[in-house]
Amino acid sequence: MRKQGIHGKTNFGCLFLTLLLIVGGYVGFKFGRIYLSQYMLDRKIYEIAGDAAEDRKAKLFPSERAVADAVMEAARRHSVDITYDDIEIDREPRTISIYVTWEGDIVLPYYTYHYTFYFDHQRDFKY
């Protein structure tokens, strides 16, 4: 004998909400990871510029290449794909400036988002 009340129907509102949460979580993860790396690298470049500004006798960073190496190491730690061509360092008598450009793509199904981040930090030398 068949039981009354069991029909195997799906609540489409619940299914739609579940799919929406899955898609939103995936897109949020892809974008969130990039923007978190951008924030962490921005803070690290600011610290490197401050360290280079305090190093007025050039013991820690004897050349612009040493500063660029520190930026590349920070970028590698945060999984940022930049090259030495993307880094520009200007040492002037009273300031140091670090300019970095990071470009890339976030690839989603049926869509690719191109992003470009510019990091620009200038710090005064400490005397």
N, C-alpha and C. Protein backbone atom coordinates (compact mmCIF):
# COMPACT_ATOMS: atom_id res chain seq x y z
N MET A 1 0.83 -1.17 0.00
CA MET A 1 0.00 0.00 0.00
C MET A 1 0.89 1.24 0.00
N ARG A 2 0.51 2.28 -0.74
CA ARG A 2 1.30 3.51 -0.85
C ARG A 2 1.03 4.42 0.32
N LYS A 3 2.09 5.10 0.77
CA LYS A 3 1.93 6.09 1.84
C LYS A 3 1.48 7.40 1.23
N GLN A 4 0.61 8.04 1.88
CA GLN A 4 0.12 9.32 1.41
C GLN A 4 1.04 10.44 1.91
N GLY A 5 1.34 11.45 1.12
CA GLY A 5 2.10 12.63 1.55
C GLY A 5 3.57 12.62 1.16
N ILE A 6 4.11 11.54 0.62
CA ILE A 6 5.51 11.50 0.17
C ILE A 6 5.49 11.51 -1.35
N HIS A 7 5.94 12.62 -1.94
CA HIS A 7 5.82 12.75 -3.39
C HIS A 7 7.16 12.97 -4.10
N GLY A 8 8.27 13.29 -3.38
CA GLY A 8 9.56 13.51 -4.03
C GLY A 8 9.68 14.84 -4.73
N LYS A 9 8.98 15.82 -4.30
CA LYS A 9 9.06 17.14 -4.92
C LYS A 9 10.24 17.93 -4.35
N THR A 10 10.78 18.87 -5.15
CA THR A 10 11.90 19.69 -4.74
C THR A 10 11.41 21.11 -4.51
N ASN A 11 11.91 21.71 -3.45
CA ASN A 11 11.62 23.11 -3.18
C ASN A 11 12.60 23.93 -4.03
N PHE A 12 12.12 24.51 -5.13
CA PHE A 12 13.01 25.21 -6.06
C PHE A 12 13.61 26.48 -5.48
N GLY A 13 12.95 27.10 -4.54
CA GLY A 13 13.52 28.27 -3.88
C GLY A 13 14.76 27.92 -3.09
N CYS A 14 14.72 26.80 -2.39
CA CYS A 14 15.88 26.34 -1.62
C CYS A 14 17.02 25.92 -2.55
N LEU A 15 16.69 25.23 -3.63
CA LEU A 15 17.70 24.81 -4.61
C LEU A 15 18.36 26.03 -5.26
N PHE A 16 17.57 27.03 -5.65
CA PHE A 16 18.09 28.25 -6.26
C PHE A 16 19.00 28.99 -5.29
N LEU A 17 18.59 29.10 -4.03
CA LEU A 17 19.41 29.78 -3.02
C LEU A 17 20.73 29.05 -2.79
N THR A 18 20.70 27.74 -2.77
CA THR A 18 21.92 26.94 -2.60
C THR A 18 22.88 27.15 -3.77
N LEU A 19 22.37 27.11 -4.99
CA LEU A 19 23.21 27.36 -6.17
C LEU A 19 23.76 28.77 -6.18
N LEU A 20 22.95 29.73 -5.77
CA LEU A 20 23.40 31.11 -5.69
C LEU A 20 24.53 31.27 -4.67
N LEU A 21 24.43 30.62 -3.54
CA LEU A 21 25.48 30.67 -2.53
C LEU A 21 26.77 30.00 -3.02
N ILE A 22 26.64 28.91 -3.74
CA ILE A 22 27.83 28.22 -4.27
C ILE A 22 28.54 29.10 -5.29
N VAL A 23 27.79 29.68 -6.22
CA VAL A 23 28.39 30.55 -7.25
C VAL A 23 28.98 31.80 -6.60
N GLY A 24 28.26 32.40 -5.68
CA GLY A 24 28.78 33.59 -4.99
C GLY A 24 30.03 33.30 -4.19
N GLY A 25 30.08 32.14 -3.54
CA GLY A 25 31.28 31.75 -2.80
C GLY A 25 32.48 31.55 -3.71
N TYR A 26 32.26 30.93 -4.86
CA TYR A 26 33.35 30.71 -5.82
C TYR A 26 33.90 32.02 -6.35
N VAL A 27 33.01 32.92 -6.77
CA VAL A 27 33.45 34.22 -7.29
C VAL A 27 34.11 35.03 -6.18
N GLY A 28 33.55 35.00 -4.98
CA GLY A 28 34.15 35.71 -3.85
C GLY A 28 35.53 35.19 -3.51
N PHE A 29 35.71 33.88 -3.60
CA PHE A 29 37.03 33.30 -3.33
C PHE A 29 38.04 33.76 -4.37
N LYS A 30 37.66 33.73 -5.64
CA LYS A 30 38.60 34.13 -6.70
C LYS A 30 39.01 35.60 -6.57
N PHE A 31 38.04 36.49 -6.33
CA PHE A 31 38.35 37.91 -6.20
C PHE A 31 38.98 38.23 -4.85
N GLY A 32 38.50 37.60 -3.79
CA GLY A 32 39.01 37.87 -2.46
C GLY A 32 40.48 37.53 -2.30
N ARG A 33 40.89 36.44 -2.92
CA ARG A 33 42.29 36.03 -2.85
C ARG A 33 43.20 37.06 -3.49
N ILE A 34 42.79 37.60 -4.64
CA ILE A 34 43.60 38.60 -5.35
C ILE A 34 43.66 39.90 -4.54
N TYR A 35 42.52 40.35 -4.05
CA TYR A 35 42.50 41.62 -3.31
C TYR A 35 43.20 41.51 -1.96
N LEU A 36 43.19 40.34 -1.34
CA LEU A 36 43.95 40.14 -0.11
C LEU A 36 45.45 40.19 -0.40
N SER A 37 45.88 39.57 -1.48
CA SER A 37 47.29 39.63 -1.88
C SER A 37 47.70 41.05 -2.20
N GLN A 38 46.81 41.80 -2.84
CA GLN A 38 47.10 43.21 -3.16
C GLN A 38 47.30 44.02 -1.88
N TYR A 39 46.44 43.83 -0.92
CA TYR A 39 46.55 44.56 0.34
C TYR A 39 47.84 44.19 1.09
N MET A 40 48.14 42.91 1.17
CA MET A 40 49.34 42.46 1.89
C MET A 40 50.61 42.96 1.21
N LEU A 41 50.65 42.92 -0.13
CA LEU A 41 51.83 43.40 -0.85
C LEU A 41 51.98 44.91 -0.70
N ASP A 42 50.88 45.64 -0.70
CA ASP A 42 50.93 47.09 -0.52
C ASP A 42 51.54 47.44 0.84
N ARG A 43 51.13 46.76 1.88
CA ARG A 43 51.68 47.01 3.22
C ARG A 43 53.17 46.65 3.27
N LYS A 44 53.56 45.56 2.61
CA LYS A 44 54.95 45.12 2.63
C LYS A 44 55.84 46.10 1.85
N ILE A 45 55.37 46.62 0.73
CA ILE A 45 56.15 47.60 -0.03
C ILE A 45 56.32 48.87 0.79
N TYR A 46 55.29 49.26 1.52
CA TYR A 46 55.38 50.41 2.41
C TYR A 46 56.45 50.19 3.49
N GLU A 47 56.49 48.99 4.06
CA GLU A 47 57.52 48.66 5.06
C GLU A 47 58.92 48.67 4.45
N ILE A 48 59.06 48.12 3.25
CA ILE A 48 60.37 48.09 2.59
C ILE A 48 60.84 49.51 2.30
N ALA A 49 59.94 50.38 1.86
CA ALA A 49 60.30 51.78 1.62
C ALA A 49 60.74 52.45 2.91
N GLY A 50 60.07 52.17 4.02
CA GLY A 50 60.46 52.73 5.31
C GLY A 50 61.81 52.21 5.78
N ASP A 51 62.05 50.91 5.59
CA ASP A 51 63.35 50.34 5.96
C ASP A 51 64.47 50.94 5.13
N ALA A 52 64.22 51.13 3.83
CA ALA A 52 65.23 51.72 2.97
C ALA A 52 65.46 53.19 3.32
N ALA A 53 64.42 53.87 3.78
CA ALA A 53 64.57 55.28 4.17
C ALA A 53 65.37 55.40 5.47
N GLU A 54 65.21 54.46 6.38
CA GLU A 54 65.97 54.50 7.63
C GLU A 54 67.42 54.06 7.43
N ASP A 55 67.70 53.39 6.33
CA ASP A 55 69.04 52.87 6.04
C ASP A 55 69.83 53.91 5.24
N ARG A 56 70.12 55.06 5.88
CA ARG A 56 70.74 56.16 5.15
C ARG A 56 72.19 55.88 4.79
N LYS A 57 72.85 54.95 5.47
CA LYS A 57 74.23 54.61 5.12
C LYS A 57 74.29 53.44 4.14
N ALA A 58 73.14 52.98 3.69
CA ALA A 58 73.02 51.93 2.67
C ALA A 58 73.72 50.64 3.06
N LYS A 59 73.50 50.20 4.28
CA LYS A 59 74.06 48.92 4.71
C LYS A 59 73.10 47.77 4.42
N LEU A 60 71.81 47.98 4.68
CA LEU A 60 70.82 46.94 4.45
C LEU A 60 70.45 46.85 2.97
N PHE A 61 70.28 48.00 2.33
CA PHE A 61 69.94 48.06 0.91
C PHE A 61 71.00 48.90 0.20
N PRO A 62 72.12 48.29 -0.22
CA PRO A 62 73.20 49.07 -0.82
C PRO A 62 72.89 49.62 -2.22
N SER A 63 71.90 49.05 -2.89
CA SER A 63 71.58 49.51 -4.24
C SER A 63 70.08 49.39 -4.49
N GLU A 64 69.65 49.91 -5.62
CA GLU A 64 68.25 49.79 -6.01
C GLU A 64 67.89 48.33 -6.27
N ARG A 65 68.85 47.57 -6.73
CA ARG A 65 68.60 46.14 -6.99
C ARG A 65 68.29 45.40 -5.69
N ALA A 66 68.93 45.78 -4.59
CA ALA A 66 68.64 45.14 -3.31
C ALA A 66 67.22 45.44 -2.85
N VAL A 67 66.75 46.65 -3.08
CA VAL A 67 65.37 47.01 -2.76
C VAL A 67 64.42 46.23 -3.65
N ALA A 68 64.74 46.12 -4.93
CA ALA A 68 63.90 45.36 -5.87
C ALA A 68 63.86 43.88 -5.48
N ASP A 69 64.99 43.34 -5.01
CA ASP A 69 65.01 41.96 -4.54
C ASP A 69 64.09 41.76 -3.35
N ALA A 70 64.06 42.72 -2.43
CA ALA A 70 63.16 42.63 -1.28
C ALA A 70 61.70 42.68 -1.71
N VAL A 71 61.39 43.51 -2.69
CA VAL A 71 60.02 43.57 -3.21
C VAL A 71 59.66 42.26 -3.92
N MET A 72 60.57 41.71 -4.69
CA MET A 72 60.31 40.44 -5.38
C MET A 72 60.10 39.31 -4.38
N GLU A 73 60.86 39.30 -3.30
CA GLU A 73 60.69 38.27 -2.27
C GLU A 73 59.32 38.38 -1.62
N ALA A 74 58.88 39.61 -1.34
CA ALA A 74 57.54 39.82 -0.77
C ALA A 74 56.47 39.39 -1.76
N ALA A 75 56.67 39.67 -3.02
CA ALA A 75 55.69 39.28 -4.05
C ALA A 75 55.63 37.76 -4.17
N ARG A 76 56.75 37.11 -4.09
CA ARG A 76 56.77 35.64 -4.17
C ARG A 76 56.03 35.03 -3.00
N ARG A 77 56.20 35.59 -1.80
CA ARG A 77 55.52 35.07 -0.61
C ARG A 77 54.00 35.19 -0.72
N HIS A 78 53.52 36.22 -1.40
CA HIS A 78 52.09 36.45 -1.51
C HIS A 78 51.53 35.98 -2.85
N SER A 79 52.30 35.16 -3.58
CA SER A 79 51.89 34.58 -4.86
C SER A 79 51.50 35.63 -5.88
N VAL A 80 52.28 36.70 -5.94
CA VAL A 80 52.06 37.77 -6.90
C VAL A 80 53.07 37.61 -8.02
N ASP A 81 52.57 37.64 -9.25
CA ASP A 81 53.41 37.40 -10.42
C ASP A 81 53.86 38.73 -11.01
N ILE A 82 55.03 39.22 -10.55
CA ILE A 82 55.61 40.43 -11.11
C ILE A 82 57.05 40.13 -11.51
N THR A 83 57.61 41.00 -12.35
CA THR A 83 59.00 40.86 -12.77
C THR A 83 59.77 42.12 -12.35
N TYR A 84 61.05 42.09 -12.56
CA TYR A 84 61.87 43.26 -12.24
C TYR A 84 61.51 44.45 -13.12
N ASP A 85 60.96 44.19 -14.30
CA ASP A 85 60.54 45.29 -15.18
C ASP A 85 59.34 46.04 -14.61
N ASP A 86 58.58 45.41 -13.71
CA ASP A 86 57.41 46.04 -13.11
C ASP A 86 57.75 46.90 -11.91
N ILE A 87 59.02 46.92 -11.52
CA ILE A 87 59.45 47.64 -10.31
C ILE A 87 60.34 48.81 -10.73
N GLU A 88 60.05 49.98 -10.19
CA GLU A 88 60.90 51.16 -10.42
C GLU A 88 61.23 51.78 -9.06
N ILE A 89 62.51 52.03 -8.85
CA ILE A 89 62.97 52.59 -7.58
C ILE A 89 63.75 53.85 -7.86
N ASP A 90 63.36 54.93 -7.19
CA ASP A 90 64.05 56.21 -7.33
C ASP A 90 64.60 56.62 -5.98
N ARG A 91 65.92 56.72 -5.90
CA ARG A 91 66.56 57.25 -4.70
C ARG A 91 67.01 58.66 -5.00
N GLU A 92 66.49 59.57 -4.23
CA GLU A 92 66.88 60.97 -4.34
C GLU A 92 67.61 61.34 -3.06
N PRO A 93 68.18 62.53 -2.98
CA PRO A 93 68.96 62.87 -1.78
C PRO A 93 68.15 62.80 -0.48
N ARG A 94 66.85 63.07 -0.50
CA ARG A 94 66.08 63.08 0.74
C ARG A 94 64.94 62.07 0.78
N THR A 95 64.64 61.40 -0.34
CA THR A 95 63.51 60.47 -0.37
C THR A 95 63.85 59.21 -1.16
N ILE A 96 63.06 58.18 -0.92
CA ILE A 96 63.10 56.97 -1.75
C ILE A 96 61.67 56.69 -2.19
N SER A 97 61.51 56.36 -3.45
CA SER A 97 60.19 56.06 -4.01
C SER A 97 60.22 54.68 -4.64
N ILE A 98 59.18 53.91 -4.39
CA ILE A 98 59.04 52.58 -4.99
C ILE A 98 57.73 52.57 -5.76
N TYR A 99 57.82 52.24 -7.05
CA TYR A 99 56.64 52.13 -7.92
C TYR A 99 56.58 50.70 -8.45
N VAL A 100 55.46 50.05 -8.24
CA VAL A 100 55.28 48.67 -8.70
C VAL A 100 53.94 48.58 -9.43
N THR A 101 53.93 47.86 -10.54
CA THR A 101 52.70 47.60 -11.29
C THR A 101 52.47 46.10 -11.33
N TRP A 102 51.25 45.69 -11.01
CA TRP A 102 50.88 44.27 -11.04
C TRP A 102 49.63 44.12 -11.90
N GLU A 103 49.74 43.33 -12.95
CA GLU A 103 48.62 43.08 -13.84
C GLU A 103 48.37 41.58 -13.92
N GLY A 104 47.11 41.23 -14.12
CA GLY A 104 46.77 39.83 -14.25
C GLY A 104 45.33 39.65 -14.64
N ASP A 105 44.91 38.41 -14.69
CA ASP A 105 43.55 38.07 -15.08
C ASP A 105 42.95 37.12 -14.05
N ILE A 106 41.66 37.33 -13.77
CA ILE A 106 40.89 36.39 -12.98
C ILE A 106 39.99 35.67 -13.98
N VAL A 107 40.20 34.37 -14.14
CA VAL A 107 39.48 33.59 -15.14
C VAL A 107 38.33 32.87 -14.46
N LEU A 108 37.12 33.23 -14.88
CA LEU A 108 35.90 32.58 -14.42
C LEU A 108 35.26 31.89 -15.62
N PRO A 109 34.38 30.94 -15.41
CA PRO A 109 33.70 30.36 -16.57
C PRO A 109 32.92 31.44 -17.33
N TYR A 110 33.18 31.56 -18.59
CA TYR A 110 32.51 32.49 -19.51
C TYR A 110 32.89 33.95 -19.28
N TYR A 111 33.88 34.24 -18.47
CA TYR A 111 34.25 35.64 -18.21
C TYR A 111 35.69 35.70 -17.72
N THR A 112 36.42 36.69 -18.19
CA THR A 112 37.78 36.95 -17.71
C THR A 112 37.86 38.40 -17.30
N TYR A 113 38.29 38.63 -16.06
CA TYR A 113 38.41 39.98 -15.52
C TYR A 113 39.89 40.35 -15.48
N HIS A 114 40.25 41.44 -16.14
CA HIS A 114 41.64 41.92 -16.14
C HIS A 114 41.78 42.99 -15.05
N TYR A 115 42.78 42.82 -14.20
CA TYR A 115 43.01 43.79 -13.13
C TYR A 115 44.41 44.37 -13.25
N THR A 116 44.56 45.61 -12.79
CA THR A 116 45.85 46.30 -12.74
C THR A 116 45.92 47.03 -11.41
N PHE A 117 46.97 46.74 -10.65
CA PHE A 117 47.19 47.42 -9.38
C PHE A 117 48.48 48.22 -9.47
N TYR A 118 48.45 49.43 -8.92
CA TYR A 118 49.63 50.29 -8.86
C TYR A 118 49.98 50.52 -7.40
N PHE A 119 51.24 50.28 -7.08
CA PHE A 119 51.73 50.54 -5.73
C PHE A 119 52.72 51.69 -5.84
N ASP A 120 52.51 52.73 -5.07
CA ASP A 120 53.35 53.93 -5.14
C ASP A 120 53.59 54.41 -3.72
N HIS A 121 54.82 54.20 -3.25
CA HIS A 121 55.16 54.62 -1.89
C HIS A 121 56.43 55.46 -1.91
N GLN A 122 56.37 56.59 -1.22
CA GLN A 122 57.51 57.48 -1.11
C GLN A 122 57.74 57.76 0.37
N ARG A 123 58.97 57.59 0.81
CA ARG A 123 59.30 57.83 2.21
C ARG A 123 60.51 58.75 2.28
N ASP A 124 60.53 59.58 3.29
CA ASP A 124 61.66 60.50 3.51
C ASP A 124 62.75 59.79 4.30
N PHE A 125 64.00 60.13 3.98
CA PHE A 125 65.12 59.58 4.73
C PHE A 125 65.13 60.14 6.15
N LYS A 126 65.53 59.32 7.09
CA LYS A 126 65.65 59.73 8.49
C LYS A 126 67.09 60.17 8.74
N TYR A 127 67.23 61.36 9.28
CA TYR A 127 68.58 61.87 9.57
C TYR A 127 68.76 62.03 11.05
